[in-house]
PDB file of N, CA and C in Angstrom:
ATOM      1  N   MET A   1      24.504  23.090 -30.459  1.00  0.00           N
ATOM      2  CA  MET A   1      23.894  24.185 -29.165  1.00  0.00           C
ATOM      3  C   MET A   1      25.272  23.701 -28.280  1.00  0.00           C
ATOM      4  N   SER A   2      25.552  24.677 -27.342  1.00  0.00           N
ATOM      5  CA  SER A   2      26.094  24.490 -26.242  1.00  0.00           C
ATOM      6  C   SER A   2      26.108  24.525 -25.422  1.00  0.00           C
ATOM      7  N   VAL A   3      25.057  24.183 -24.483  1.00  0.00           N
ATOM      8  CA  VAL A   3      24.605  24.955 -23.337  1.00  0.00           C
ATOM      9  C   VAL A   3      25.424  24.472 -22.321  1.00  0.00           C
ATOM     10  N   LEU A   4      25.454  24.920 -21.276  1.00  0.00           N
ATOM     11  CA  LEU A   4      26.074  23.587 -20.138  1.00  0.00           C
ATOM     12  C   LEU A   4      25.741  24.341 -18.838  1.00  0.00           C
ATOM     13  N   ILE A   5      25.664  22.705 -17.865  1.00  0.00           N
ATOM     14  CA  ILE A   5      24.682  23.410 -16.626  1.00  0.00           C
ATOM     15  C   ILE A   5      25.328  22.654 -15.565  1.00  0.00           C
ATOM     16  N   ASP A   6      25.558  23.166 -14.430  1.00  0.00           N
ATOM     17  CA  ASP A   6      26.457  22.489 -13.338  1.00  0.00           C
ATOM     18  C   ASP A   6      26.087  21.721 -12.542  1.00  0.00           C
ATOM     19  N   THR A   7      25.917  21.083 -11.601  1.00  0.00           N
ATOM     20  CA  THR A   7      25.422  20.577 -10.481  1.00  0.00           C
ATOM     21  C   THR A   7      24.809  21.792  -9.265  1.00  0.00           C
ATOM     22  N   PRO A   8      23.169  21.532  -9.087  1.00  0.00           N
ATOM     23  CA  PRO A   8      22.828  22.540  -7.920  1.00  0.00           C
ATOM     24  C   PRO A   8      23.039  22.403  -6.760  1.00  0.00           C
ATOM     25  N   VAL A   9      24.164  23.318  -6.503  1.00  0.00           N
ATOM     26  CA  VAL A   9      24.696  22.806  -4.814  1.00  0.00           C
ATOM     27  C   VAL A   9      24.442  24.652  -4.150  1.00  0.00           C
ATOM     28  N   TRP A  10      24.086  25.555  -4.765  1.00  0.00           N
ATOM     29  CA  TRP A  10      23.965  26.884  -4.256  1.00  0.00           C
ATOM     30  C   TRP A  10      23.002  27.327  -3.689  1.00  0.00           C
ATOM     31  N   PRO A  11      22.484  27.554  -2.443  1.00  0.00           N
ATOM     32  CA  PRO A  11      21.286  27.894  -1.790  1.00  0.00           C
ATOM     33  C   PRO A  11      21.025  29.139  -2.282  1.00  0.00           C
ATOM     34  N   GLY A  12      19.669  29.084  -2.295  1.00  0.00           N
ATOM     35  CA  GLY A  12      19.067  29.980  -2.932  1.00  0.00           C
ATOM     36  C   GLY A  12      17.309  30.766  -2.342  1.00  0.00           C
ATOM     37  N   PRO A  13      17.098  31.430  -2.769  1.00  0.00           N
ATOM     38  CA  PRO A  13      15.557  31.611  -2.047  1.00  0.00           C
ATOM     39  C   PRO A  13      14.853  30.218  -2.130  1.00  0.00           C
ATOM     40  N   TYR A  14      13.680  30.316  -0.850  1.00  0.00           N
ATOM     41  CA  TYR A  14      12.913  29.857  -0.873  1.00  0.00           C
ATOM     42  C   TYR A  14      13.201  27.885  -0.256  1.00  0.00           C
ATOM     43  N   GLY A  15      14.575  27.715   0.289  1.00  0.00           N
ATOM     44  CA  GLY A  15      15.167  26.959   0.654  1.00  0.00           C
ATOM     45  C   GLY A  15      15.664  26.203  -0.663  1.00  0.00           C
ATOM     46  N   TRP A  16      15.519  26.424  -1.528  1.00  0.00           N
ATOM     47  CA  TRP A  16      16.325  25.913  -3.123  1.00  0.00           C
ATOM     48  C   TRP A  16      17.634  25.687  -3.020  1.00  0.00           C
ATOM     49  N   LEU A  17      18.003  24.770  -3.984  1.00  0.00           N
ATOM     50  CA  LEU A  17      19.477  24.924  -4.571  1.00  0.00           C
ATOM     51  C   LEU A  17      19.450  25.127  -5.795  1.00  0.00           C
ATOM     52  N   PHE A  18      20.813  25.779  -6.395  1.00  0.00           N
ATOM     53  CA  PHE A  18      20.392  26.333  -7.725  1.00  0.00           C
ATOM     54  C   PHE A  18      21.702  26.006  -8.086  1.00  0.00           C
ATOM     55  N   CYS A  19      21.702  26.121  -9.655  1.00  0.00           N
ATOM     56  CA  CYS A  19      23.219  25.700 -10.389  1.00  0.00           C
ATOM     57  C   CYS A  19      23.232  27.035 -11.439  1.00  0.00           C
ATOM     58  N   HIS A  20      24.456  26.743 -12.033  1.00  0.00           N
ATOM     59  CA  HIS A  20      24.496  27.592 -13.224  1.00  0.00           C
ATOM     60  C   HIS A  20      24.313  27.254 -14.793  1.00  0.00           C
ATOM     61  N   MET A  21      23.712  27.657 -15.563  1.00  0.00           N
ATOM     62  CA  MET A  21      23.589  27.449 -16.942  1.00  0.00           C
ATOM     63  C   MET A  21      23.914  28.694 -17.817  1.00  0.00           C
ATOM     64  N   VAL A  22      25.050  28.008 -19.051  1.00  0.00           N
ATOM     65  CA  VAL A  22      25.858  28.938 -19.355  1.00  0.00           C
ATOM     66  C   VAL A  22      26.092  28.410 -20.860  1.00  0.00           C
ATOM     67  N   SER A  23      26.188  29.007 -21.959  1.00  0.00           N
ATOM     68  CA  SER A  23      26.556  28.946 -23.375  1.00  0.00           C
ATOM     69  C   SER A  23      28.079  29.346 -23.658  1.00  0.00           C
ATOM     70  N   ASP A  24      28.798  28.257 -24.140  1.00  0.00           N
ATOM     71  CA  ASP A  24      30.115  28.897 -24.755  1.00  0.00           C
ATOM     72  C   ASP A  24      30.173  28.937 -26.159  1.00  0.00           C
ATOM     73  N   ARG A  25      29.057  29.477 -26.703  1.00  0.00           N
ATOM     74  CA  ARG A  25      28.767  29.939 -27.870  1.00  0.00           C
ATOM     75  C   ARG A  25      28.386  31.352 -28.001  1.00  0.00           C
ATOM     76  N   SER A  26      27.216  31.507 -27.427  1.00  0.00           N
ATOM     77  CA  SER A  26      27.041  32.858 -27.213  1.00  0.00           C
ATOM     78  C   SER A  26      25.679  33.079 -26.231  1.00  0.00           C
ATOM     79  N   HIS A  27      25.188  34.225 -26.299  1.00  0.00           N
ATOM     80  CA  HIS A  27      24.601  34.679 -25.180  1.00  0.00           C
ATOM     81  C   HIS A  27      23.000  34.478 -25.709  1.00  0.00           C
ATOM     82  N   ASP A  28      22.859  34.912 -27.044  1.00  0.00           N
ATOM     83  CA  ASP A  28      21.722  34.988 -27.871  1.00  0.00           C
ATOM     84  C   ASP A  28      21.182  33.309 -27.456  1.00  0.00           C
ATOM     85  N   GLU A  29      22.296  32.267 -27.822  1.00  0.00           N
ATOM     86  CA  GLU A  29      22.183  30.834 -27.529  1.00  0.00           C
ATOM     87  C   GLU A  29      21.404  30.771 -25.769  1.00  0.00           C
ATOM     88  N   LEU A  30      22.133  31.403 -25.482  1.00  0.00           N
ATOM     89  CA  LEU A  30      22.095  31.053 -23.861  1.00  0.00           C
ATOM     90  C   LEU A  30      20.128  31.500 -23.641  1.00  0.00           C
ATOM     91  N   HIS A  31      20.045  32.766 -24.203  1.00  0.00           N
ATOM     92  CA  HIS A  31      18.677  33.628 -23.562  1.00  0.00           C
ATOM     93  C   HIS A  31      17.615  32.398 -24.680  1.00  0.00           C
ATOM     94  N   ALA A  32      17.637  31.788 -25.662  1.00  0.00           N
ATOM     95  CA  ALA A  32      16.508  31.481 -26.319  1.00  0.00           C
ATOM     96  C   ALA A  32      16.655  29.868 -25.086  1.00  0.00           C
ATOM     97  N   PHE A  33      17.494  29.389 -25.354  1.00  0.00           N
ATOM     98  CA  PHE A  33      17.441  28.269 -24.423  1.00  0.00           C
ATOM     99  C   PHE A  33      16.750  28.438 -22.925  1.00  0.00           C
ATOM    100  N   ALA A  34      17.311  29.351 -22.324  1.00  0.00           N
ATOM    101  CA  ALA A  34      16.258  29.350 -20.784  1.00  0.00           C
ATOM    102  C   ALA A  34      14.854  29.874 -21.457  1.00  0.00           C
ATOM    103  N   ARG A  35      14.484  30.469 -22.312  1.00  0.00           N
ATOM    104  CA  ARG A  35      13.384  30.891 -22.820  1.00  0.00           C
ATOM    105  C   ARG A  35      12.446  29.550 -22.815  1.00  0.00           C
ATOM    106  N   GLY A  36      13.130  28.611 -23.728  1.00  0.00           N
ATOM    107  CA  GLY A  36      12.648  27.024 -23.845  1.00  0.00           C
ATOM    108  C   GLY A  36      12.750  26.605 -22.689  1.00  0.00           C
ATOM    109  N   LEU A  37      13.265  27.003 -21.648  1.00  0.00           N
ATOM    110  CA  LEU A  37      13.076  26.277 -20.286  1.00  0.00           C
ATOM    111  C   LEU A  37      12.020  26.768 -19.285  1.00  0.00           C
ATOM    112  N   GLY A  38      11.581  27.960 -19.864  1.00  0.00           N
ATOM    113  CA  GLY A  38      10.939  28.403 -18.855  1.00  0.00           C
ATOM    114  C   GLY A  38      11.025  29.484 -17.859  1.00  0.00           C
ATOM    115  N   VAL A  39      12.676  30.033 -17.707  1.00  0.00           N
ATOM    116  CA  VAL A  39      13.107  30.828 -16.748  1.00  0.00           C
ATOM    117  C   VAL A  39      13.135  31.847 -17.291  1.00  0.00           C
ATOM    118  N   SER A  40      12.846  33.001 -16.053  1.00  0.00           N
ATOM    119  CA  SER A  40      12.728  33.976 -16.333  1.00  0.00           C
ATOM    120  C   SER A  40      13.912  35.029 -16.636  1.00  0.00           C
ATOM    121  N   GLY A  41      14.074  36.217 -17.557  1.00  0.00           N
ATOM    122  CA  GLY A  41      15.293  36.836 -18.016  1.00  0.00           C
ATOM    123  C   GLY A  41      15.818  37.380 -16.517  1.00  0.00           C
ATOM    124  N   ARG A  42      15.130  37.477 -15.564  1.00  0.00           N
ATOM    125  CA  ARG A  42      15.552  37.888 -14.280  1.00  0.00           C
ATOM    126  C   ARG A  42      16.534  37.277 -13.736  1.00  0.00           C
ATOM    127  N   ALA A  43      16.321  35.604 -13.944  1.00  0.00           N
ATOM    128  CA  ALA A  43      17.277  34.851 -13.469  1.00  0.00           C
ATOM    129  C   ALA A  43      18.957  35.124 -14.124  1.00  0.00           C
ATOM    130  N   PHE A  44      19.090  35.869 -15.558  1.00  0.00           N
ATOM    131  CA  PHE A  44      20.351  36.255 -16.022  1.00  0.00           C
ATOM    132  C   PHE A  44      21.114  36.842 -14.680  1.00  0.00           C
ATOM    133  N   ASP A  45      22.194  36.788 -15.091  1.00  0.00           N
ATOM    134  CA  ASP A  45      23.362  37.562 -13.922  1.00  0.00           C
ATOM    135  C   ASP A  45      24.597  37.601 -14.843  1.00  0.00           C
ATOM    136  N   ARG A  46      24.966  38.278 -15.380  1.00  0.00           N
ATOM    137  CA  ARG A  46      26.088  38.745 -16.190  1.00  0.00           C
ATOM    138  C   ARG A  46      26.368  37.846 -17.257  1.00  0.00           C
ATOM    139  N   ASP A  47      26.611  36.356 -17.138  1.00  0.00           N
ATOM    140  CA  ASP A  47      27.140  35.717 -17.822  1.00  0.00           C
ATOM    141  C   ASP A  47      26.538  34.297 -17.937  1.00  0.00           C
ATOM    142  N   HIS A  48      25.462  34.168 -16.965  1.00  0.00           N
ATOM    143  CA  HIS A  48      25.203  32.693 -16.372  1.00  0.00           C
ATOM    144  C   HIS A  48      23.449  33.039 -15.843  1.00  0.00           C
ATOM    145  N   TYR A  49      22.579  32.354 -16.184  1.00  0.00           N
ATOM    146  CA  TYR A  49      21.412  31.793 -15.338  1.00  0.00           C
ATOM    147  C   TYR A  49      21.526  31.233 -14.025  1.00  0.00           C
ATOM    148  N   ASP A  50      20.392  31.399 -13.220  1.00  0.00           N
ATOM    149  CA  ASP A  50      20.494  30.783 -12.043  1.00  0.00           C
ATOM    150  C   ASP A  50      19.468  30.029 -12.292  1.00  0.00           C
ATOM    151  N   ILE A  51      19.644  28.479 -12.023  1.00  0.00           N
ATOM    152  CA  ILE A  51      18.565  27.405 -12.261  1.00  0.00           C
ATOM    153  C   ILE A  51      18.318  26.860 -10.971  1.00  0.00           C
ATOM    154  N   PRO A  52      17.105  26.613 -10.834  1.00  0.00           N
ATOM    155  CA  PRO A  52      16.569  25.778  -9.659  1.00  0.00           C
ATOM    156  C   PRO A  52      16.829  24.239 -10.193  1.00  0.00           C
ATOM    157  N   ALA A  53      17.362  23.857  -9.005  1.00  0.00           N
ATOM    158  CA  ALA A  53      17.590  22.397  -8.757  1.00  0.00           C
ATOM    159  C   ALA A  53      15.940  21.890  -9.696  1.00  0.00           C
ATOM    160  N   HIS A  54      15.021  22.424  -9.647  1.00  0.00           N
ATOM    161  CA  HIS A  54      13.589  21.283  -9.956  1.00  0.00           C
ATOM    162  C   HIS A  54      13.645  21.330 -11.454  1.00  0.00           C
ATOM    163  N   LEU A  55      14.926  22.436 -12.084  1.00  0.00           N
ATOM    164  CA  LEU A  55      14.486  22.132 -13.679  1.00  0.00           C
ATOM    165  C   LEU A  55      15.965  22.052 -14.177  1.00  0.00           C
ATOM    166  N   HIS A  56      16.667  21.173 -13.085  1.00  0.00           N
ATOM    167  CA  HIS A  56      18.177  20.871 -13.900  1.00  0.00           C
ATOM    168  C   HIS A  56      17.568  19.540 -14.837  1.00  0.00           C
ATOM    169  N   GLU A  57      16.907  18.555 -14.480  1.00  0.00           N
ATOM    170  CA  GLU A  57      16.809  17.090 -15.556  1.00  0.00           C
ATOM    171  C   GLU A  57      15.737  17.938 -16.804  1.00  0.00           C
ATOM    172  N   ARG A  58      15.173  18.864 -16.833  1.00  0.00           N
ATOM    173  CA  ARG A  58      14.584  19.190 -17.890  1.00  0.00           C
ATOM    174  C   ARG A  58      15.576  19.840 -19.036  1.00  0.00           C
ATOM    175  N   ALA A  59      16.416  20.658 -18.190  1.00  0.00           N
ATOM    176  CA  ALA A  59      17.340  21.530 -19.275  1.00  0.00           C
ATOM    177  C   ALA A  59      18.135  20.360 -19.646  1.00  0.00           C
ATOM    178  N   LEU A  60      18.770  19.240 -18.901  1.00  0.00           N
ATOM    179  CA  LEU A  60      19.428  18.200 -19.497  1.00  0.00           C
ATOM    180  C   LEU A  60      18.660  17.561 -20.769  1.00  0.00           C
ATOM    181  N   ALA A  61      17.228  17.106 -20.565  1.00  0.00           N
ATOM    182  CA  ALA A  61      16.582  16.775 -21.535  1.00  0.00           C
ATOM    183  C   ALA A  61      16.079  17.274 -22.539  1.00  0.00           C
ATOM    184  N   LEU A  62      16.378  18.670 -22.723  1.00  0.00           N
ATOM    185  CA  LEU A  62      16.580  19.211 -23.498  1.00  0.00           C
ATOM    186  C   LEU A  62      17.860  20.063 -24.281  1.00  0.00           C
ATOM    187  N   GLY A  63      18.971  19.258 -23.905  1.00  0.00           N
ATOM    188  CA  GLY A  63      20.052  19.037 -24.545  1.00  0.00           C
ATOM    189  C   GLY A  63      21.101  19.942 -23.842  1.00  0.00           C
ATOM    190  N   ALA A  64      20.867  20.435 -22.891  1.00  0.00           N
ATOM    191  CA  ALA A  64      22.279  20.821 -22.070  1.00  0.00           C
ATOM    192  C   ALA A  64      22.733  19.814 -21.634  1.00  0.00           C
ATOM    193  N   GLU A  65      24.561  20.325 -21.382  1.00  0.00           N
ATOM    194  CA  GLU A  65      25.267  19.451 -20.711  1.00  0.00           C
ATOM    195  C   GLU A  65      26.093  19.438 -20.005  1.00  0.00           C
ATOM    196  N   HIS A  66      25.578  18.579 -18.692  1.00  0.00           N
ATOM    197  CA  HIS A  66      26.323  18.515 -17.822  1.00  0.00           C
ATOM    198  C   HIS A  66      27.589  18.288 -16.967  1.00  0.00           C
ATOM    199  N   VAL A  67      27.844  19.570 -16.539  1.00  0.00           N
ATOM    200  CA  VAL A  67      30.167  19.639 -16.426  1.00  0.00           C
ATOM    201  C   VAL A  67      29.792  20.254 -15.075  1.00  0.00           C
ATOM    202  N   SER A  68      31.293  20.051 -14.532  1.00  0.00           N
ATOM    203  CA  SER A  68      31.550  20.609 -13.311  1.00  0.00           C
ATOM    204  C   SER A  68      31.505  21.636 -13.596  1.00  0.00           C
ATOM    205  N   GLY A  69      31.453  22.526 -12.079  1.00  0.00           N
ATOM    206  CA  GLY A  69      31.740  24.035 -12.400  1.00  0.00           C
ATOM    207  C   GLY A  69      32.834  24.841 -12.653  1.00  0.00           C
ATOM    208  N   ARG A  70      33.970  24.095 -12.315  1.00  0.00           N
ATOM    209  CA  ARG A  70      35.278  24.054 -12.912  1.00  0.00           C
ATOM    210  C   ARG A  70      35.311  24.410 -14.705  1.00  0.00           C
ATOM    211  N   GLU A  71      34.900  23.242 -14.866  1.00  0.00           N
ATOM    212  CA  GLU A  71      34.921  23.093 -16.481  1.00  0.00           C
ATOM    213  C   GLU A  71      33.935  24.338 -17.244  1.00  0.00           C
ATOM    214  N   LEU A  72      32.968  24.738 -15.935  1.00  0.00           N
ATOM    215  CA  LEU A  72      31.567  25.779 -16.680  1.00  0.00           C
ATOM    216  C   LEU A  72      32.567  26.342 -17.042  1.00  0.00           C
ATOM    217  N   VAL A  73      33.096  26.913 -16.000  1.00  0.00           N
ATOM    218  CA  VAL A  73      33.840  28.380 -16.023  1.00  0.00           C
ATOM    219  C   VAL A  73      35.213  28.227 -17.244  1.00  0.00           C
ATOM    220  N   THR A  74      35.750  27.452 -17.400  1.00  0.00           N
ATOM    221  CA  THR A  74      36.689  27.140 -18.506  1.00  0.00           C
ATOM    222  C   THR A  74      36.669  27.020 -19.460  1.00  0.00           C
ATOM    223  N   ARG A  75      35.401  26.810 -19.850  1.00  0.00           N
ATOM    224  CA  ARG A  75      35.064  26.892 -21.198  1.00  0.00           C
ATOM    225  C   ARG A  75      34.067  28.422 -21.537  1.00  0.00           C
ATOM    226  N   LEU A  76      33.485  28.954 -20.300  1.00  0.00           N
ATOM    227  CA  LEU A  76      33.225  30.330 -20.833  1.00  0.00           C
ATOM    228  C   LEU A  76      33.784  30.931 -20.742  1.00  0.00           C
ATOM    229  N   ARG A  77      35.214  30.967 -19.931  1.00  0.00           N
ATOM    230  CA  ARG A  77      36.331  32.078 -20.249  1.00  0.00           C
ATOM    231  C   ARG A  77      36.887  31.898 -21.534  1.00  0.00           C
ATOM    232  N   ALA A  78      37.039  30.725 -22.139  1.00  0.00           N
ATOM    233  CA  ALA A  78      38.036  29.900 -23.482  1.00  0.00           C
ATOM    234  C   ALA A  78      37.026  30.478 -24.250  1.00  0.00           C
ATOM    235  N   ALA A  79      35.353  30.864 -24.641  1.00  0.00           N
ATOM    236  CA  ALA A  79      34.386  31.117 -25.154  1.00  0.00           C
ATOM    237  C   ALA A  79      34.657  32.658 -25.215  1.00  0.00           C
ATOM    238  N   GLY A  80      35.755  33.354 -24.407  1.00  0.00           N
ATOM    239  CA  GLY A  80      35.464  34.791 -24.361  1.00  0.00           C
ATOM    240  C   GLY A  80      34.026  35.726 -23.796  1.00  0.00           C
ATOM    241  N   LEU A  81      33.335  34.702 -23.358  1.00  0.00           N
ATOM    242  CA  LEU A  81      31.728  34.965 -22.865  1.00  0.00           C
ATOM    243  C   LEU A  81      31.910  35.731 -21.067  1.00  0.00           C
ATOM    244  N   ARG A  82      33.194  35.151 -20.400  1.00  0.00           N
ATOM    245  CA  ARG A  82      32.799  35.582 -19.083  1.00  0.00           C
ATOM    246  C   ARG A  82      33.075  37.233 -18.623  1.00  0.00           C
ATOM    247  N   ARG A  83      31.964  37.145 -17.559  1.00  0.00           N
ATOM    248  CA  ARG A  83      31.681  38.946 -17.446  1.00  0.00           C
ATOM    249  C   ARG A  83      31.851  38.560 -15.679  1.00  0.00           C
ATOM    250  N   PRO A  84      33.250  39.144 -15.415  1.00  0.00           N
ATOM    251  CA  PRO A  84      33.493  38.924 -14.223  1.00  0.00           C
ATOM    252  C   PRO A  84      32.609  40.534 -13.646  1.00  0.00           C
ATOM    253  N   ARG A  85      32.617  40.370 -11.992  1.00  0.00           N
ATOM    254  CA  ARG A  85      31.860  41.728 -11.448  1.00  0.00           C
ATOM    255  C   ARG A  85      32.975  42.539 -11.405  1.00  0.00           C
ATOM    256  N   LYS A  86      32.423  43.997 -11.655  1.00  0.00           N
ATOM    257  CA  LYS A  86      32.933  45.079 -11.574  1.00  0.00           C
ATOM    258  C   LYS A  86      33.745  45.041 -10.331  1.00  0.00           C
ATOM    259  N   ARG A  87      34.929  45.536 -10.387  1.00  0.00           N
ATOM    260  CA  ARG A  87      35.846  45.782  -8.988  1.00  0.00           C
ATOM    261  C   ARG A  87      35.585  47.177  -8.643  1.00  0.00           C
ATOM    262  N   THR A  88      35.319  46.871  -7.053  1.00  0.00           N
ATOM    263  CA  THR A  88      35.148  48.242  -6.520  1.00  0.00           C
ATOM    264  C   THR A  88      36.449  48.595  -5.997  1.00  0.00           C
ATOM    265  N   ALA A  89      36.433  49.669  -5.788  1.00  0.00           N
ATOM    266  CA  ALA A  89      37.686  50.502  -5.326  1.00  0.00           C
ATOM    267  C   ALA A  89      38.822  49.814  -4.752  1.00  0.00           C
ATOM    268  N   PRO A  90      40.089  49.577  -4.844  1.00  0.00           N
ATOM    269  CA  PRO A  90      40.937  49.162  -4.508  1.00  0.00           C
ATOM    270  C   PRO A  90      41.094  49.818  -3.287  1.00  0.00           C
ATOM    271  N   ARG A  91      41.719  48.202  -2.347  1.00  0.00           N
ATOM    272  CA  ARG A  91      41.571  48.570  -0.946  1.00  0.00           C
ATOM    273  C   ARG A  91      43.054  49.359  -1.008  1.00  0.00           C
ATOM    274  N   PRO A  92      43.283  50.232   0.345  1.00  0.00           N
ATOM    275  CA  PRO A  92      44.586  50.860   0.744  1.00  0.00           C
ATOM    276  C   PRO A  92      45.226  49.204   1.164  1.00  0.00           C
ATOM    277  N   SER A  93      46.722  49.862   0.582  1.00  0.00           N
ATOM    278  CA  SER A  93      47.705  48.936   1.307  1.00  0.00           C
ATOM    279  C   SER A  93      48.242  49.498   2.685  1.00  0.00           C
ATOM    280  N   ALA A  94      48.435  48.472   3.534  1.00  0.00           N
ATOM    281  CA  ALA A  94      49.084  48.606   4.908  1.00  0.00           C
ATOM    282  C   ALA A  94      50.020  49.262   5.463  1.00  0.00           C
TER     283      ALA A  94
END
């Protein structure tokens, strides 16, 4: 298993802090881990789950590896699983 989770620093609803959880193997692995953690599929955004801080320790106990945000993105890209936001129309040049 290769589920990665960063530090909860992102503000979200209810005044909670959130972190990101990804897999550097497959989205199927990530979805299965999230289900085991009790996280709704609605928390999935393109290539990661937004996880509230109160679930961070439980994710680690279930086997997630704590990494920095930079390491998380680096490993996600290296695995070919990064799904960036779609770019909007290009801005006109001045």
